[in-house]
C-alpha atoms as a PDB file:
ATOM      1  CA  UNK A   1     -76.893 -41.152  61.621  1.00  0.00           C
ATOM      2  CA  UNK A   2     -74.689 -38.301  62.295  1.00  0.00           C
ATOM      3  CA  UNK A   3     -72.416 -39.155  59.602  1.00  0.00           C
ATOM      4  CA  UNK A   4     -75.429 -39.281  57.016  1.00  0.00           C
ATOM      5  CA  UNK A   5     -76.295 -35.820  58.194  1.00  0.00           C
ATOM      6  CA  UNK A   6     -72.942 -34.366  57.465  1.00  0.00           C
ATOM      7  CA  UNK A   7     -72.467 -35.886  54.225  1.00  0.00           C
ATOM      8  CA  UNK A   8     -76.021 -34.341  53.410  1.00  0.00           C
ATOM      9  CA  UNK A   9     -74.777 -30.922  54.819  1.00  0.00           C
ATOM     10  CA  UNK A  10     -71.316 -31.493  52.657  1.00  0.00           C
ATOM     11  CA  UNK A  11     -73.528 -32.267  49.448  1.00  0.00           C
ATOM     12  CA  UNK A  12     -75.593 -29.335  50.134  1.00  0.00           C
ATOM     13  CA  UNK A  13     -72.600 -26.908  50.809  1.00  0.00           C
ATOM     14  CA  UNK A  14     -71.088 -28.525  47.690  1.00  0.00           C
ATOM     15  CA  UNK A  15     -74.240 -27.767  45.447  1.00  0.00           C
ATOM     16  CA  UNK A  16     -74.464 -24.301  46.733  1.00  0.00           C
ATOM     17  CA  UNK A  17     -70.664 -23.867  46.004  1.00  0.00           C
ATOM     18  CA  UNK A  18     -71.054 -25.134  42.627  1.00  0.00           C
ATOM     19  CA  UNK A  19     -74.104 -22.735  42.226  1.00  0.00           C
ATOM     20  CA  UNK A  20     -72.163 -19.801  43.271  1.00  0.00           C
ATOM     21  CA  UNK A  21     -69.271 -20.713  40.957  1.00  0.00           C
ATOM     22  CA  UNK A  22     -71.640 -20.874  38.001  1.00  0.00           C
ATOM     23  CA  UNK A  23     -73.005 -17.585  38.882  1.00  0.00           C
ATOM     24  CA  UNK A  24     -69.512 -16.075  39.444  1.00  0.00           C
ATOM     25  CA  UNK A  25     -68.273 -17.733  36.170  1.00  0.00           C
ATOM     26  CA  UNK A  26     -71.125 -16.206  34.320  1.00  0.00           C
ATOM     27  CA  UNK A  27     -70.389 -12.944  35.542  1.00  0.00           C
ATOM     28  CA  UNK A  28     -66.605 -13.271  34.615  1.00  0.00           C
ATOM     29  CA  UNK A  29     -67.729 -14.523  31.119  1.00  0.00           C
ATOM     30  CA  UNK A  30     -69.959 -11.441  30.733  1.00  0.00           C
ATOM     31  CA  UNK A  31     -67.237  -9.059  32.054  1.00  0.00           C
ATOM     32  CA  UNK A  32     -64.529 -10.502  29.523  1.00  0.00           C
ATOM     33  CA  UNK A  33     -67.181 -10.276  26.809  1.00  0.00           C
ATOM     34  CA  UNK A  34     -67.635  -6.422  27.352  1.00  0.00           C
ATOM     35  CA  UNK A  35     -64.092  -5.920  27.852  1.00  0.00           C
ATOM     36  CA  UNK A  36     -63.714  -7.853  24.223  1.00  0.00           C
ATOM     37  CA  UNK A  37     -66.564  -5.595  22.658  1.00  0.00           C
ATOM     38  CA  UNK A  38     -64.671  -2.387  24.196  1.00  0.00           C
ATOM     39  CA  UNK A  39     -61.515  -3.192  22.817  1.00  0.00           C
ATOM     40  CA  UNK A  40     -62.918  -4.071  19.548  1.00  0.00           C
ATOM     41  CA  UNK A  41     -64.734  -0.801  19.489  1.00  0.00           C
ATOM     42  CA  UNK A  42     -61.514   0.876  20.219  1.00  0.00           C
ATOM     43  CA  UNK A  43     -59.368  -0.940  17.659  1.00  0.00           C
ATOM     44  CA  UNK A  44     -62.458   0.150  15.015  1.00  0.00           C
ATOM     45  CA  UNK A  45     -61.751   3.674  16.098  1.00  0.00           C
ATOM     46  CA  UNK A  46     -58.176   3.217  15.587  1.00  0.00           C
ATOM     47  CA  UNK A  47     -58.655   1.877  12.133  1.00  0.00           C
ATOM     48  CA  UNK A  48     -61.230   4.831  11.062  1.00  0.00           C
ATOM     49  CA  UNK A  49     -58.670   7.527  12.619  1.00  0.00           C
ATOM     50  CA  UNK A  50     -55.803   5.812  10.775  1.00  0.00           C
ATOM     51  CA  UNK A  51     -57.699   5.447   7.515  1.00  0.00           C
ATOM     52  CA  UNK A  52     -58.850   9.251   7.775  1.00  0.00           C
ATOM     53  CA  UNK A  53     -55.017  10.375   8.327  1.00  0.00           C
ATOM     54  CA  UNK A  54     -53.797   8.319   5.481  1.00  0.00           C
ATOM     55  CA  UNK A  55     -56.707   9.738   3.257  1.00  0.00           C
ATOM     56  CA  UNK A  56     -55.797  13.075   4.368  1.00  0.00           C
ATOM     57  CA  UNK A  57     -52.154  12.551   3.554  1.00  0.00           C
ATOM     58  CA  UNK A  58     -52.743  11.200   0.379  1.00  0.00           C
ATOM     59  CA  UNK A  59     -55.135  14.014  -0.637  1.00  0.00           C
ATOM     60  CA  UNK A  60     -52.481  16.325   0.326  1.00  0.00           C
ATOM     61  CA  UNK A  61     -49.788  14.734  -1.541  1.00  0.00           C
ATOM     62  CA  UNK A  62     -52.176  14.747  -4.574  1.00  0.00           C
ATOM     63  CA  UNK A  63     -52.815  18.393  -4.406  1.00  0.00           C
ATOM     64  CA  UNK A  64     -48.988  18.769  -4.276  1.00  0.00           C
ATOM     65  CA  UNK A  65     -48.280  16.862  -7.381  1.00  0.00           C
ATOM     66  CA  UNK A  66     -51.455  18.419  -9.379  1.00  0.00           C
ATOM     67  CA  UNK A  67     -50.088  22.061  -8.058  1.00  0.00           C
ATOM     68  CA  UNK A  68     -46.305  21.086  -9.566  1.00  0.00           C
ATOM     69  CA  UNK A  69     -48.207  19.645 -12.896  1.00  0.00           C
ATOM     70  CA  UNK A  70     -50.097  22.735 -13.279  1.00  0.00           C
ATOM     71  CA  UNK A  71     -47.052  24.790 -13.022  1.00  0.00           C
ATOM     72  CA  UNK A  72     -45.200  22.513 -15.779  1.00  0.00           C
ATOM     73  CA  UNK A  73     -48.201  22.644 -18.130  1.00  0.00           C
ATOM     74  CA  UNK A  74     -48.216  26.384 -17.561  1.00  0.00           C
ATOM     75  CA  UNK A  75     -44.651  26.712 -18.458  1.00  0.00           C
ATOM     76  CA  UNK A  76     -44.965  24.568 -21.348  1.00  0.00           C
ATOM     77  CA  UNK A  77     -47.912  26.697 -22.649  1.00  0.00           C
ATOM     78  CA  UNK A  78     -45.720  30.050 -22.139  1.00  0.00           C
ATOM     79  CA  UNK A  79     -42.727  28.175 -24.095  1.00  0.00           C
ATOM     80  CA  UNK A  80     -45.177  27.146 -26.896  1.00  0.00           C
ATOM     81  CA  UNK A  81     -46.697  30.977 -27.104  1.00  0.00           C
ATOM     82  CA  UNK A  82     -43.150  32.314 -27.199  1.00  0.00           C
ATOM     83  CA  UNK A  83     -42.064  29.591 -29.881  1.00  0.00           C
ATOM     84  CA  UNK A  84     -45.250  30.336 -31.845  1.00  0.00           C
ATOM     85  CA  UNK A  85     -44.385  34.350 -31.707  1.00  0.00           C
ATOM     86  CA  UNK A  86     -40.910  33.820 -32.636  1.00  0.00           C
ATOM     87  CA  UNK A  87     -41.627  31.605 -35.551  1.00  0.00           C
ATOM     88  CA  UNK A  88     -44.760  33.280 -36.800  1.00  0.00           C
ATOM     89  CA  UNK A  89     -43.285  36.154 -38.642  1.00  0.00           C
ATOM     90  CA  UNK A  90     -40.747  33.897 -40.308  1.00  0.00           C
ATOM     91  CA  UNK A  91     -43.670  31.527 -41.350  1.00  0.00           C
ATOM     92  CA  UNK A  92     -45.767  34.220 -42.899  1.00  0.00           C
ATOM     93  CA  UNK A  93     -42.692  35.343 -44.977  1.00  0.00           C
ATOM     94  CA  UNK A  94     -41.902  31.905 -46.131  1.00  0.00           C
ATOM     95  CA  UNK A  95     -45.504  31.463 -47.063  1.00  0.00           C
ATOM     96  CA  UNK A  96     -45.563  34.834 -48.901  1.00  0.00           C
ATOM     97  CA  UNK A  97     -42.423  33.960 -50.785  1.00  0.00           C
ATOM     98  CA  UNK A  98     -43.761  30.707 -51.624  1.00  0.00           C
ATOM     99  CA  UNK A  99     -46.980  32.494 -53.126  1.00  0.00           C
ATOM    100  CA  UNK A 100     -45.121  34.921 -54.592  1.00  0.00           C
ATOM    101  CA  UNK A 101     -43.197  32.517 -56.546  1.00  0.00           C
ATOM    102  CA  UNK A 102     -45.690  30.283 -57.454  1.00  0.00           C
ATOM    103  CA  UNK A 103     -47.113  31.847 -60.258  1.00  0.00           C
ATOM    104  CA  UNK A 104     -43.704  32.746 -61.816  1.00  0.00           C
ATOM    105  CA  UNK A 105     -42.686  29.069 -61.664  1.00  0.00           C
ATOM    106  CA  UNK A 106     -45.643  28.127 -64.058  1.00  0.00           C
END
C-alpha cells in the first residue's frame, strides 16, 4: 500500500513538474519571440538609416555632377557667343559682298 502511495505521489510530482516545465517553456518561448521581434525592429531601423544615408550620398553626388555639367554648359555658351561675335562681322561683310555682286552678275 505504501508503494502505491509513493507511486501516486511520484506521479503527482511528475505531473506538477510537467506543468511547471510547460509554463516555463511558454515563458522562454515568449521571451525569445520578443527578442526576435526587437532584433527585427532594430534591423529594419538600421536598413532605413542605411537607405537614408545612401540616398543622401546619391543626392550629393548628383548635385555635384549637375554643378559640373552646368559649368561646362556655361563655358560652351560663352564659347559660342565669342565665336558668334568673332564671325558676325565677317559674315555680314561676306553677305554684303554677295548682295553687291549679285546684280552685276546678271
